[in-house]
Amino acid sequence: MFARVSWIVATTLALLCICVHAQQPAPIVSQLCLGCICEVTSGCNTTIGCSEAVCGPFAITWGYWSDAGKPTLNGEPLGDQSYSRCTNDPYCAATAVQGYMAKFGQDCTGNGVIDCDDYLRIHRLGGYGCTGPLDNKYENKYKLCMQTFGHQ
């Protein structure tokens, strides 16, 4: 089971690496951080689709996508399907996460540093609620991912 999860996370990190390196300007959120946020959010399930108010492997809402600058898949013009098409694509969704963090990045943990711990909280709790508590299961999955893949 762990080997399968490791393979999924490693593959996801590799895919997101391509996305992050293709972006301009330089990314705010590291490849490792994006991969772990994706992993704890949905298991980085790229076929998850939309459910209720969220779409894609990062479980992005329309408001989040809008605050992120409404990125579109392959730079397509904005249209009725832009939100769902972008958020269901791991590369475009990662661009949305980068955009959201560019807008709302802050020190949520109060340690004087803006890092992945903060980005996880911003992603999960929103740009205005990131100092609130995280669900223990969610936070523990994140810590395991960072410990497992952060020392490579």
N, C-alpha and C. Protein backbone atom coordinates (compact mmCIF):
# COMPACT_ATOMS: atom_id res chain seq x y z
N MET A 1 0.83 -1.20 0.00
CA MET A 1 0.00 0.00 0.00
C MET A 1 0.88 1.26 0.00
N PHE A 2 1.89 1.28 0.92
CA PHE A 2 2.74 2.46 0.98
C PHE A 2 3.53 2.63 -0.31
N ALA A 3 3.95 1.51 -0.90
CA ALA A 3 4.69 1.59 -2.17
C ALA A 3 3.82 2.20 -3.25
N ARG A 4 2.54 1.84 -3.27
CA ARG A 4 1.62 2.39 -4.27
C ARG A 4 1.43 3.89 -4.04
N VAL A 5 1.24 4.27 -2.78
CA VAL A 5 1.07 5.69 -2.46
C VAL A 5 2.34 6.45 -2.81
N SER A 6 3.50 5.87 -2.51
CA SER A 6 4.77 6.51 -2.84
C SER A 6 4.90 6.73 -4.34
N TRP A 7 4.51 5.72 -5.11
CA TRP A 7 4.57 5.84 -6.57
C TRP A 7 3.64 6.93 -7.06
N ILE A 8 2.43 6.99 -6.49
CA ILE A 8 1.45 8.00 -6.90
C ILE A 8 1.99 9.39 -6.59
N VAL A 9 2.51 9.57 -5.38
CA VAL A 9 3.03 10.88 -4.99
C VAL A 9 4.24 11.25 -5.84
N ALA A 10 5.13 10.28 -6.09
CA ALA A 10 6.31 10.56 -6.91
C ALA A 10 5.91 10.96 -8.33
N THR A 11 4.93 10.26 -8.88
CA THR A 11 4.44 10.58 -10.22
C THR A 11 3.80 11.96 -10.23
N THR A 12 3.00 12.24 -9.21
CA THR A 12 2.35 13.55 -9.11
C THR A 12 3.39 14.66 -9.01
N LEU A 13 4.40 14.44 -8.18
CA LEU A 13 5.45 15.45 -8.03
C LEU A 13 6.17 15.67 -9.36
N ALA A 14 6.41 14.60 -10.10
CA ALA A 14 7.07 14.74 -11.40
C ALA A 14 6.20 15.53 -12.37
N LEU A 15 4.90 15.23 -12.39
CA LEU A 15 3.99 15.96 -13.28
C LEU A 15 3.91 17.43 -12.89
N LEU A 16 3.79 17.68 -11.60
CA LEU A 16 3.71 19.06 -11.15
C LEU A 16 5.02 19.80 -11.37
N CYS A 17 6.12 19.08 -11.33
CA CYS A 17 7.44 19.67 -11.61
C CYS A 17 7.46 20.26 -13.01
N ILE A 18 6.94 19.51 -13.96
CA ILE A 18 6.88 19.99 -15.34
C ILE A 18 6.04 21.26 -15.40
N CYS A 19 4.91 21.24 -14.70
CA CYS A 19 4.01 22.41 -14.69
C CYS A 19 4.70 23.62 -14.07
N VAL A 20 5.31 23.41 -12.93
CA VAL A 20 5.92 24.51 -12.21
C VAL A 20 7.05 25.12 -13.01
N HIS A 21 7.87 24.30 -13.65
CA HIS A 21 8.99 24.83 -14.43
C HIS A 21 8.53 25.53 -15.69
N ALA A 22 7.32 25.25 -16.15
CA ALA A 22 6.81 25.88 -17.36
C ALA A 22 6.16 27.23 -17.06
N GLN A 23 5.97 27.53 -15.78
CA GLN A 23 5.27 28.75 -15.40
C GLN A 23 6.22 29.94 -15.34
N GLN A 24 5.70 31.10 -15.64
CA GLN A 24 6.41 32.35 -15.45
C GLN A 24 5.47 33.28 -14.72
N PRO A 25 5.84 34.02 -13.73
CA PRO A 25 7.16 34.07 -13.13
C PRO A 25 7.43 32.84 -12.25
N ALA A 26 8.53 32.91 -11.51
CA ALA A 26 8.92 31.79 -10.66
C ALA A 26 7.80 31.43 -9.69
N PRO A 27 7.63 30.15 -9.44
CA PRO A 27 6.55 29.72 -8.56
C PRO A 27 6.78 30.13 -7.11
N ILE A 28 5.69 30.31 -6.41
CA ILE A 28 5.73 30.63 -4.99
C ILE A 28 5.76 29.33 -4.19
N VAL A 29 4.91 28.39 -4.59
CA VAL A 29 4.76 27.12 -3.89
C VAL A 29 5.68 26.09 -4.54
N SER A 30 6.47 25.41 -3.73
CA SER A 30 7.41 24.42 -4.27
C SER A 30 6.69 23.22 -4.87
N GLN A 31 7.41 22.48 -5.68
CA GLN A 31 6.87 21.26 -6.28
C GLN A 31 6.46 20.27 -5.19
N LEU A 32 7.30 20.11 -4.19
CA LEU A 32 7.01 19.21 -3.08
C LEU A 32 5.73 19.63 -2.38
N CYS A 33 5.62 20.91 -2.10
CA CYS A 33 4.45 21.43 -1.41
C CYS A 33 3.18 21.20 -2.23
N LEU A 34 3.22 21.52 -3.52
CA LEU A 34 2.06 21.28 -4.39
C LEU A 34 1.68 19.81 -4.37
N GLY A 35 2.67 18.94 -4.48
CA GLY A 35 2.40 17.51 -4.49
C GLY A 35 1.74 17.04 -3.21
N CYS A 36 2.22 17.52 -2.08
CA CYS A 36 1.65 17.10 -0.80
C CYS A 36 0.26 17.70 -0.58
N ILE A 37 0.04 18.94 -0.99
CA ILE A 37 -1.30 19.51 -0.89
C ILE A 37 -2.27 18.70 -1.74
N CYS A 38 -1.86 18.35 -2.94
CA CYS A 38 -2.69 17.54 -3.83
C CYS A 38 -2.96 16.17 -3.20
N GLU A 39 -1.93 15.57 -2.65
CA GLU A 39 -2.05 14.23 -2.05
C GLU A 39 -3.02 14.23 -0.88
N VAL A 40 -2.91 15.20 0.02
CA VAL A 40 -3.79 15.19 1.19
C VAL A 40 -5.20 15.64 0.84
N THR A 41 -5.35 16.38 -0.24
CA THR A 41 -6.67 16.86 -0.63
C THR A 41 -7.51 15.76 -1.26
N SER A 42 -6.92 15.00 -2.19
CA SER A 42 -7.72 14.01 -2.93
C SER A 42 -6.98 12.70 -3.20
N GLY A 43 -5.79 12.54 -2.64
CA GLY A 43 -4.96 11.43 -3.06
C GLY A 43 -4.40 11.71 -4.44
N CYS A 44 -4.46 12.98 -4.83
CA CYS A 44 -4.06 13.46 -6.15
C CYS A 44 -4.78 12.70 -7.26
N ASN A 45 -6.05 12.50 -7.05
CA ASN A 45 -6.90 11.80 -8.02
C ASN A 45 -7.22 12.76 -9.16
N THR A 46 -6.60 12.53 -10.30
CA THR A 46 -6.79 13.43 -11.45
C THR A 46 -8.05 13.12 -12.24
N THR A 47 -8.80 12.10 -11.84
CA THR A 47 -10.06 11.77 -12.52
C THR A 47 -11.26 12.03 -11.61
N ILE A 48 -11.06 12.75 -10.54
CA ILE A 48 -12.10 12.95 -9.53
C ILE A 48 -13.26 13.81 -10.05
N GLY A 49 -12.99 14.71 -10.99
CA GLY A 49 -14.05 15.55 -11.54
C GLY A 49 -14.54 16.59 -10.55
N CYS A 50 -15.80 16.98 -10.72
CA CYS A 50 -16.41 17.98 -9.84
C CYS A 50 -17.45 17.32 -8.95
N SER A 51 -17.50 17.74 -7.71
CA SER A 51 -18.46 17.22 -6.75
C SER A 51 -18.92 18.38 -5.89
N GLU A 52 -20.22 18.63 -5.93
CA GLU A 52 -20.80 19.76 -5.22
C GLU A 52 -20.10 21.05 -5.64
N ALA A 53 -19.39 21.70 -4.72
CA ALA A 53 -18.83 23.02 -5.02
C ALA A 53 -17.35 23.00 -5.35
N VAL A 54 -16.74 21.81 -5.48
CA VAL A 54 -15.30 21.74 -5.74
C VAL A 54 -14.99 20.87 -6.95
N CYS A 55 -13.86 21.17 -7.58
CA CYS A 55 -13.43 20.41 -8.75
C CYS A 55 -11.96 20.05 -8.66
N GLY A 56 -11.64 18.87 -9.20
CA GLY A 56 -10.27 18.47 -9.44
C GLY A 56 -9.50 17.95 -8.26
N PRO A 57 -8.25 17.57 -8.51
CA PRO A 57 -7.42 16.95 -7.48
C PRO A 57 -7.07 17.87 -6.32
N PHE A 58 -7.18 19.18 -6.52
CA PHE A 58 -6.93 20.13 -5.43
C PHE A 58 -8.23 20.59 -4.77
N ALA A 59 -9.39 20.08 -5.22
CA ALA A 59 -10.70 20.44 -4.68
C ALA A 59 -10.88 21.97 -4.64
N ILE A 60 -10.79 22.58 -5.80
CA ILE A 60 -10.84 24.04 -5.93
C ILE A 60 -12.27 24.50 -6.18
N THR A 61 -12.69 25.51 -5.42
CA THR A 61 -14.01 26.12 -5.62
C THR A 61 -13.92 27.17 -6.73
N TRP A 62 -15.07 27.59 -7.21
CA TRP A 62 -15.09 28.64 -8.23
C TRP A 62 -14.47 29.92 -7.68
N GLY A 63 -14.80 30.26 -6.42
CA GLY A 63 -14.25 31.47 -5.81
C GLY A 63 -12.74 31.44 -5.69
N TYR A 64 -12.20 30.30 -5.31
CA TYR A 64 -10.75 30.12 -5.20
C TYR A 64 -10.11 30.33 -6.57
N TRP A 65 -10.67 29.66 -7.59
CA TRP A 65 -10.16 29.79 -8.96
C TRP A 65 -10.22 31.24 -9.43
N SER A 66 -11.32 31.92 -9.11
CA SER A 66 -11.47 33.33 -9.49
C SER A 66 -10.42 34.19 -8.79
N ASP A 67 -10.25 33.99 -7.48
CA ASP A 67 -9.24 34.73 -6.73
C ASP A 67 -7.83 34.46 -7.25
N ALA A 68 -7.64 33.27 -7.83
CA ALA A 68 -6.33 32.88 -8.37
C ALA A 68 -6.05 33.52 -9.72
N GLY A 69 -7.00 34.29 -10.23
CA GLY A 69 -6.81 34.97 -11.51
C GLY A 69 -7.47 34.29 -12.69
N LYS A 70 -8.32 33.30 -12.42
CA LYS A 70 -9.05 32.56 -13.46
C LYS A 70 -8.12 32.01 -14.55
N PRO A 71 -7.12 31.22 -14.13
CA PRO A 71 -6.26 30.62 -15.16
C PRO A 71 -7.08 29.67 -16.04
N THR A 72 -6.67 29.53 -17.28
CA THR A 72 -7.38 28.65 -18.21
C THR A 72 -6.44 27.57 -18.73
N LEU A 73 -7.03 26.48 -19.12
CA LEU A 73 -6.28 25.36 -19.67
C LEU A 73 -5.62 25.78 -20.97
N ASN A 74 -4.32 25.64 -21.04
CA ASN A 74 -3.54 25.98 -22.24
C ASN A 74 -3.75 27.41 -22.71
N GLY A 75 -4.08 28.32 -21.79
CA GLY A 75 -4.25 29.73 -22.14
C GLY A 75 -5.48 30.02 -22.98
N GLU A 76 -6.45 29.10 -22.98
CA GLU A 76 -7.68 29.30 -23.76
C GLU A 76 -8.41 30.55 -23.28
N PRO A 77 -9.21 31.17 -24.14
CA PRO A 77 -10.04 32.30 -23.70
C PRO A 77 -11.03 31.83 -22.64
N LEU A 78 -11.41 32.75 -21.75
CA LEU A 78 -12.40 32.42 -20.72
C LEU A 78 -13.72 32.04 -21.37
N GLY A 79 -14.34 31.00 -20.83
CA GLY A 79 -15.64 30.55 -21.32
C GLY A 79 -16.39 29.86 -20.19
N ASP A 80 -17.57 29.35 -20.51
CA ASP A 80 -18.42 28.71 -19.50
C ASP A 80 -17.76 27.52 -18.82
N GLN A 81 -16.90 26.81 -19.52
CA GLN A 81 -16.27 25.61 -18.98
C GLN A 81 -14.85 25.84 -18.46
N SER A 82 -14.41 27.08 -18.45
CA SER A 82 -13.01 27.37 -18.07
C SER A 82 -12.67 26.89 -16.66
N TYR A 83 -13.57 27.14 -15.72
CA TYR A 83 -13.32 26.74 -14.33
C TYR A 83 -13.15 25.23 -14.21
N SER A 84 -14.11 24.47 -14.71
CA SER A 84 -14.03 23.01 -14.55
C SER A 84 -12.90 22.41 -15.38
N ARG A 85 -12.65 22.96 -16.56
CA ARG A 85 -11.56 22.44 -17.40
C ARG A 85 -10.21 22.68 -16.73
N CYS A 86 -10.02 23.85 -16.16
CA CYS A 86 -8.75 24.15 -15.51
C CYS A 86 -8.56 23.34 -14.23
N THR A 87 -9.54 23.36 -13.37
CA THR A 87 -9.38 22.72 -12.06
C THR A 87 -9.30 21.20 -12.13
N ASN A 88 -9.77 20.62 -13.21
CA ASN A 88 -9.67 19.17 -13.39
C ASN A 88 -8.38 18.75 -14.08
N ASP A 89 -7.61 19.71 -14.53
CA ASP A 89 -6.30 19.44 -15.14
C ASP A 89 -5.24 19.71 -14.07
N PRO A 90 -4.37 18.75 -13.76
CA PRO A 90 -3.43 18.97 -12.65
C PRO A 90 -2.48 20.14 -12.87
N TYR A 91 -2.08 20.41 -14.11
CA TYR A 91 -1.17 21.52 -14.38
C TYR A 91 -1.86 22.86 -14.21
N CYS A 92 -3.03 22.99 -14.79
CA CYS A 92 -3.78 24.24 -14.68
C CYS A 92 -4.21 24.47 -13.23
N ALA A 93 -4.63 23.39 -12.56
CA ALA A 93 -5.03 23.51 -11.16
C ALA A 93 -3.85 23.95 -10.29
N ALA A 94 -2.65 23.44 -10.58
CA ALA A 94 -1.46 23.87 -9.85
C ALA A 94 -1.19 25.35 -10.09
N THR A 95 -1.46 25.81 -11.30
CA THR A 95 -1.32 27.24 -11.62
C THR A 95 -2.31 28.05 -10.78
N ALA A 96 -3.52 27.52 -10.61
CA ALA A 96 -4.51 28.20 -9.78
C ALA A 96 -4.04 28.28 -8.32
N VAL A 97 -3.48 27.20 -7.82
CA VAL A 97 -2.95 27.21 -6.45
C VAL A 97 -1.85 28.26 -6.33
N GLN A 98 -0.96 28.32 -7.31
CA GLN A 98 0.11 29.33 -7.29
C GLN A 98 -0.49 30.74 -7.26
N GLY A 99 -1.50 30.97 -8.10
CA GLY A 99 -2.14 32.28 -8.15
C GLY A 99 -2.82 32.65 -6.85
N TYR A 100 -3.47 31.68 -6.23
CA TYR A 100 -4.16 31.92 -4.96
C TYR A 100 -3.14 32.26 -3.87
N MET A 101 -2.04 31.54 -3.86
CA MET A 101 -1.00 31.80 -2.85
C MET A 101 -0.31 33.14 -3.10
N ALA A 102 -0.19 33.53 -4.36
CA ALA A 102 0.38 34.85 -4.66
C ALA A 102 -0.50 35.95 -4.07
N LYS A 103 -1.79 35.72 -4.08
CA LYS A 103 -2.73 36.72 -3.56
C LYS A 103 -2.83 36.66 -2.04
N PHE A 104 -2.88 35.46 -1.47
CA PHE A 104 -3.18 35.31 -0.04
C PHE A 104 -2.01 34.83 0.81
N GLY A 105 -0.84 34.64 0.22
CA GLY A 105 0.30 34.13 0.98
C GLY A 105 0.58 34.96 2.22
N GLN A 106 0.67 34.29 3.36
CA GLN A 106 0.91 34.96 4.64
C GLN A 106 1.41 33.93 5.65
N ASP A 107 1.92 34.43 6.75
CA ASP A 107 2.40 33.56 7.82
C ASP A 107 1.24 33.18 8.72
N CYS A 108 0.62 32.06 8.44
CA CYS A 108 -0.55 31.59 9.19
C CYS A 108 -0.17 30.94 10.51
N THR A 109 1.02 30.39 10.59
CA THR A 109 1.45 29.66 11.78
C THR A 109 2.14 30.54 12.81
N GLY A 110 2.46 31.77 12.43
CA GLY A 110 3.07 32.71 13.37
C GLY A 110 4.53 32.45 13.67
N ASN A 111 5.21 31.70 12.79
CA ASN A 111 6.62 31.40 13.05
C ASN A 111 7.58 32.35 12.33
N GLY A 112 7.03 33.37 11.65
CA GLY A 112 7.87 34.35 10.98
C GLY A 112 8.32 33.96 9.58
N VAL A 113 7.89 32.81 9.10
CA VAL A 113 8.27 32.30 7.78
C VAL A 113 7.02 31.90 7.02
N ILE A 114 6.96 32.23 5.74
CA ILE A 114 5.86 31.77 4.89
C ILE A 114 6.38 30.55 4.14
N ASP A 115 5.80 29.39 4.47
CA ASP A 115 6.26 28.14 3.88
C ASP A 115 5.08 27.22 3.58
N CYS A 116 5.37 25.97 3.28
CA CYS A 116 4.33 25.04 2.88
C CYS A 116 3.30 24.82 3.98
N ASP A 117 3.72 24.88 5.24
CA ASP A 117 2.75 24.74 6.33
C ASP A 117 1.68 25.83 6.22
N ASP A 118 2.10 27.02 5.84
CA ASP A 118 1.16 28.13 5.65
C ASP A 118 0.30 27.91 4.41
N TYR A 119 0.93 27.50 3.31
CA TYR A 119 0.19 27.28 2.06
C TYR A 119 -0.86 26.19 2.22
N LEU A 120 -0.54 25.15 2.98
CA LEU A 120 -1.52 24.11 3.26
C LEU A 120 -2.73 24.70 3.98
N ARG A 121 -2.48 25.51 4.98
CA ARG A 121 -3.56 26.13 5.75
C ARG A 121 -4.37 27.09 4.88
N ILE A 122 -3.70 27.87 4.06
CA ILE A 122 -4.41 28.79 3.17
C ILE A 122 -5.27 28.01 2.19
N HIS A 123 -4.72 26.93 1.65
CA HIS A 123 -5.48 26.11 0.70
C HIS A 123 -6.71 25.51 1.37
N ARG A 124 -6.55 24.99 2.57
CA ARG A 124 -7.64 24.29 3.26
C ARG A 124 -8.62 25.25 3.93
N LEU A 125 -8.11 26.30 4.56
CA LEU A 125 -8.95 27.17 5.38
C LEU A 125 -9.28 28.51 4.73
N GLY A 126 -8.63 28.81 3.61
CA GLY A 126 -8.89 30.06 2.91
C GLY A 126 -7.92 31.16 3.31
N GLY A 127 -7.85 32.16 2.48
CA GLY A 127 -6.93 33.26 2.69
C GLY A 127 -7.21 34.10 3.92
N TYR A 128 -8.45 34.05 4.40
CA TYR A 128 -8.80 34.87 5.57
C TYR A 128 -8.99 34.04 6.83
N GLY A 129 -8.86 32.72 6.74
CA GLY A 129 -9.09 31.87 7.91
C GLY A 129 -7.95 30.93 8.22
N CYS A 130 -6.78 31.22 7.69
CA CYS A 130 -5.68 30.25 7.76
C CYS A 130 -5.07 30.07 9.14
N THR A 131 -5.44 30.90 10.10
CA THR A 131 -4.89 30.73 11.44
C THR A 131 -5.73 29.75 12.26
N GLY A 132 -6.85 29.31 11.71
CA GLY A 132 -7.70 28.35 12.40
C GLY A 132 -7.08 26.97 12.46
N PRO A 133 -7.71 26.08 13.23
CA PRO A 133 -7.16 24.72 13.37
C PRO A 133 -7.44 23.86 12.13
N LEU A 134 -6.49 22.99 11.82
CA LEU A 134 -6.67 22.01 10.75
C LEU A 134 -7.21 20.72 11.34
N ASP A 135 -7.97 19.99 10.55
CA ASP A 135 -8.42 18.65 10.92
C ASP A 135 -7.18 17.78 11.14
N ASN A 136 -7.14 17.03 12.25
CA ASN A 136 -5.96 16.23 12.59
C ASN A 136 -5.58 15.23 11.50
N LYS A 137 -6.57 14.55 10.93
CA LYS A 137 -6.29 13.56 9.90
C LYS A 137 -5.62 14.22 8.69
N TYR A 138 -6.14 15.36 8.28
CA TYR A 138 -5.60 16.11 7.14
C TYR A 138 -4.17 16.55 7.44
N GLU A 139 -3.97 17.13 8.60
CA GLU A 139 -2.63 17.62 8.96
C GLU A 139 -1.62 16.47 9.09
N ASN A 140 -2.04 15.34 9.64
CA ASN A 140 -1.13 14.20 9.78
C ASN A 140 -0.75 13.62 8.42
N LYS A 141 -1.69 13.56 7.48
CA LYS A 141 -1.37 13.09 6.13
C LYS A 141 -0.35 14.02 5.48
N TYR A 142 -0.53 15.31 5.69
CA TYR A 142 0.41 16.30 5.15
C TYR A 142 1.81 16.11 5.74
N LYS A 143 1.89 15.98 7.04
CA LYS A 143 3.19 15.81 7.70
C LYS A 143 3.89 14.54 7.21
N LEU A 144 3.13 13.46 7.04
CA LEU A 144 3.72 12.21 6.55
C LEU A 144 4.25 12.40 5.13
N CYS A 145 3.50 13.08 4.29
CA CYS A 145 3.94 13.34 2.92
C CYS A 145 5.23 14.17 2.92
N MET A 146 5.26 15.23 3.70
CA MET A 146 6.44 16.09 3.74
C MET A 146 7.65 15.33 4.29
N GLN A 147 7.44 14.50 5.31
CA GLN A 147 8.55 13.71 5.88
C GLN A 147 9.05 12.68 4.87
N THR A 148 8.12 12.06 4.16
CA THR A 148 8.47 11.00 3.22
C THR A 148 9.21 11.54 2.00
N PHE A 149 8.73 12.64 1.46
CA PHE A 149 9.27 13.14 0.19
C PHE A 149 10.14 14.38 0.33
N GLY A 150 10.18 14.97 1.50
CA GLY A 150 10.97 16.18 1.71
C GLY A 150 12.45 15.94 1.92
N HIS A 151 12.84 14.70 2.07
CA HIS A 151 14.24 14.39 2.34
C HIS A 151 14.88 13.61 1.20
N GLN A 152 14.45 13.87 -0.02
CA GLN A 152 15.00 13.15 -1.17
C GLN A 152 16.12 13.91 -1.80
